C-alpha atoms as a PDB file:
ATOM      1  CA  MET A   1      56.417 127.354 154.660  1.00  0.00           C
ATOM      2  CA  PRO A   2      57.837 130.664 153.823  1.00  0.00           C
ATOM      3  CA  VAL A   3      60.076 130.830 150.724  1.00  0.00           C
ATOM      4  CA  GLU A   4      63.115 132.075 152.842  1.00  0.00           C
ATOM      5  CA  GLN A   5      62.778 128.911 154.824  1.00  0.00           C
ATOM      6  CA  ILE A   6      62.644 126.550 151.857  1.00  0.00           C
ATOM      7  CA  PHE A   7      65.866 128.318 150.560  1.00  0.00           C
ATOM      8  CA  GLN A   8      67.601 127.814 153.839  1.00  0.00           C
ATOM      9  CA  GLN A   9      66.683 124.108 153.775  1.00  0.00           C
ATOM     10  CA  LEU A  10      68.208 123.962 150.186  1.00  0.00           C
ATOM     11  CA  LYS A  11      71.308 125.614 151.542  1.00  0.00           C
ATOM     12  CA  ASP A  12      71.410 123.103 154.494  1.00  0.00           C
ATOM     13  CA  ASN A  13      71.321 120.203 151.918  1.00  0.00           C
ATOM     14  CA  PHE A  14      74.142 121.757 149.805  1.00  0.00           C
ATOM     15  CA  ASN A  15      76.869 119.180 148.715  1.00  0.00           C
ATOM     16  CA  ALA A  16      80.061 121.299 148.655  1.00  0.00           C
ATOM     17  CA  ASP A  17      81.993 118.455 147.009  1.00  0.00           C
ATOM     18  CA  ALA A  18      79.675 118.509 144.003  1.00  0.00           C
ATOM     19  CA  ALA A  19      80.276 122.205 143.578  1.00  0.00           C
ATOM     20  CA  ASP A  20      84.096 122.218 143.563  1.00  0.00           C
ATOM     21  CA  GLY A  21      85.283 124.369 140.857  1.00  0.00           C
ATOM     22  CA  LEU A  22      81.851 125.592 139.725  1.00  0.00           C
ATOM     23  CA  ASP A  23      80.703 129.177 139.206  1.00  0.00           C
ATOM     24  CA  LEU A  24      76.947 129.213 138.649  1.00  0.00           C
ATOM     25  CA  VAL A  25      73.831 131.219 139.347  1.00  0.00           C
ATOM     26  CA  PHE A  26      70.435 129.477 139.772  1.00  0.00           C
ATOM     27  CA  GLN A  27      67.636 132.023 139.577  1.00  0.00           C
ATOM     28  CA  PHE A  28      64.318 130.967 141.015  1.00  0.00           C
ATOM     29  CA  ASP A  29      61.288 132.870 139.795  1.00  0.00           C
ATOM     30  CA  ILE A  30      58.636 131.891 142.233  1.00  0.00           C
ATOM     31  CA  GLU A  31      55.217 132.723 140.788  1.00  0.00           C
ATOM     32  CA  ASP A  32      53.507 133.405 144.103  1.00  0.00           C
ATOM     33  CA  ALA A  33      56.355 134.677 146.059  1.00  0.00           C
ATOM     34  CA  ASP A  34      59.614 136.612 145.996  1.00  0.00           C
ATOM     35  CA  LYS A  35      62.385 135.848 143.415  1.00  0.00           C
ATOM     36  CA  HIS A  36      65.616 134.281 144.789  1.00  0.00           C
ATOM     37  CA  HIS A  37      68.888 133.249 143.306  1.00  0.00           C
ATOM     38  CA  LEU A  38      71.527 130.778 144.571  1.00  0.00           C
ATOM     39  CA  ILE A  39      75.103 131.610 143.838  1.00  0.00           C
ATOM     40  CA  VAL A  40      77.285 128.494 143.686  1.00  0.00           C
ATOM     41  CA  LYS A  41      80.992 129.125 143.564  1.00  0.00           C
ATOM     42  CA  ASP A  42      84.010 127.078 144.274  1.00  0.00           C
ATOM     43  CA  GLY A  43      82.224 124.859 146.846  1.00  0.00           C
ATOM     44  CA  THR A  44      80.202 127.621 148.526  1.00  0.00           C
ATOM     45  CA  CYS A  45      76.424 128.378 148.242  1.00  0.00           C
ATOM     46  CA  GLU A  46      74.855 131.741 148.949  1.00  0.00           C
ATOM     47  CA  SER A  47      71.119 132.388 148.851  1.00  0.00           C
ATOM     48  CA  VAL A  48      70.046 135.902 147.966  1.00  0.00           C
ATOM     49  CA  ALA A  49      66.608 137.431 147.791  1.00  0.00           C
ATOM     50  CA  GLY A  50      65.794 139.045 144.434  1.00  0.00           C
ATOM     51  CA  GLU A  51      66.893 138.900 140.850  1.00  0.00           C
ATOM     52  CA  HIS A  52      70.372 138.242 139.430  1.00  0.00           C
ATOM     53  CA  ASP A  53      71.606 140.171 136.423  1.00  0.00           C
ATOM     54  CA  ASP A  54      73.075 137.218 134.616  1.00  0.00           C
ATOM     55  CA  PRO A  55      71.907 133.809 135.981  1.00  0.00           C
ATOM     56  CA  SER A  56      73.189 130.624 134.319  1.00  0.00           C
ATOM     57  CA  VAL A  57      69.737 129.105 134.554  1.00  0.00           C
ATOM     58  CA  THR A  58      66.327 130.450 135.584  1.00  0.00           C
ATOM     59  CA  LEU A  59      63.739 128.141 137.010  1.00  0.00           C
ATOM     60  CA  ILE A  60      60.146 129.230 137.173  1.00  0.00           C
ATOM     61  CA  MET A  61      57.597 127.541 139.606  1.00  0.00           C
ATOM     62  CA  ASN A  62      55.258 128.152 142.402  1.00  0.00           C
ATOM     63  CA  THR A  63      56.073 127.717 146.121  1.00  0.00           C
ATOM     64  CA  GLU A  64      54.254 124.411 146.450  1.00  0.00           C
ATOM     65  CA  THR A  65      56.389 122.817 143.611  1.00  0.00           C
ATOM     66  CA  LEU A  66      59.570 124.364 145.190  1.00  0.00           C
ATOM     67  CA  GLN A  67      58.822 122.939 148.598  1.00  0.00           C
ATOM     68  CA  GLY A  68      57.756 119.517 147.212  1.00  0.00           C
ATOM     69  CA  ILE A  69      61.229 119.326 145.401  1.00  0.00           C
ATOM     70  CA  VAL A  70      63.229 120.458 148.348  1.00  0.00           C
ATOM     71  CA  SER A  71      61.522 118.055 150.744  1.00  0.00           C
ATOM     72  CA  GLY A  72      61.869 115.199 148.100  1.00  0.00           C
ATOM     73  CA  GLU A  73      58.029 114.736 148.013  1.00  0.00           C
ATOM     74  CA  THR A  74      58.123 115.870 144.329  1.00  0.00           C
ATOM     75  CA  ASP A  75      60.450 114.544 141.662  1.00  0.00           C
ATOM     76  CA  GLY A  76      61.949 117.419 139.785  1.00  0.00           C
ATOM     77  CA  MET A  77      62.110 115.544 136.430  1.00  0.00           C
ATOM     78  CA  GLN A  78      58.398 114.694 136.753  1.00  0.00           C
ATOM     79  CA  ALA A  79      57.477 118.202 137.794  1.00  0.00           C
ATOM     80  CA  PHE A  80      59.400 119.442 134.745  1.00  0.00           C
ATOM     81  CA  MET A  81      57.656 117.036 132.454  1.00  0.00           C
ATOM     82  CA  ALA A  82      54.267 117.889 133.965  1.00  0.00           C
ATOM     83  CA  GLY A  83      54.885 121.646 133.146  1.00  0.00           C
ATOM     84  CA  GLN A  84      55.077 122.615 136.960  1.00  0.00           C
ATOM     85  CA  ILE A  85      58.612 123.801 136.351  1.00  0.00           C
ATOM     86  CA  ARG A  86      59.785 125.916 133.437  1.00  0.00           C
ATOM     87  CA  ALA A  87      63.390 126.583 132.697  1.00  0.00           C
ATOM     88  CA  GLU A  88      65.227 129.321 130.823  1.00  0.00           C
ATOM     89  CA  GLY A  89      68.830 128.983 129.951  1.00  0.00           C
ATOM     90  CA  ASP A  90      71.074 126.033 130.393  1.00  0.00           C
ATOM     91  CA  MET A  91      68.966 122.935 130.854  1.00  0.00           C
ATOM     92  CA  MET A  92      71.892 120.696 131.763  1.00  0.00           C
ATOM     93  CA  LEU A  93      72.384 123.141 134.784  1.00  0.00           C
ATOM     94  CA  ALA A  94      68.973 122.514 135.980  1.00  0.00           C
ATOM     95  CA  MET A  95      69.603 118.780 136.012  1.00  0.00           C
ATOM     96  CA  LYS A  96      72.685 119.474 138.241  1.00  0.00           C
ATOM     97  CA  LEU A  97      70.574 120.911 141.060  1.00  0.00           C
ATOM     98  CA  GLY A  98      69.777 117.524 142.386  1.00  0.00           C
ATOM     99  CA  GLU A  99      73.451 116.534 142.667  1.00  0.00           C
ATOM    100  CA  LEU A 100      74.494 119.950 144.186  1.00  0.00           C
ATOM    101  CA  PHE A 101      71.580 119.945 146.925  1.00  0.00           C
ATOM    102  CA  SER A 102      70.977 116.209 147.751  1.00  0.00           C
ATOM    103  CA  ILE A 103      67.378 116.798 146.846  1.00  0.00           C
ATOM    104  CA  GLY A 104      65.003 114.063 147.541  1.00  0.00           C
ATOM    105  CA  GLY A 105      67.312 112.095 149.517  1.00  0.00           C
END
């Protein structure tokens, strides 16, 4: 599945209620594909190709891991513990992704 499609799926699973009042940028550095970032602001979500100047948190992984997490086949926390995901920046925000995007459910 192309990365653009995976991010579209993420967007489709977006939980606007959980994002109320938030202003965050999740940077995804995909090791074997293009970088993307998600801008979550006041209950909206925008997926943008490329790199953000000042992300709230950066998540580094490969396409397979990203797809597994978005589809719910891979547990994000287990992938992180196994070293399949690395995070730079605010770790607590990385945890929030599950709430914001109804991942794995």
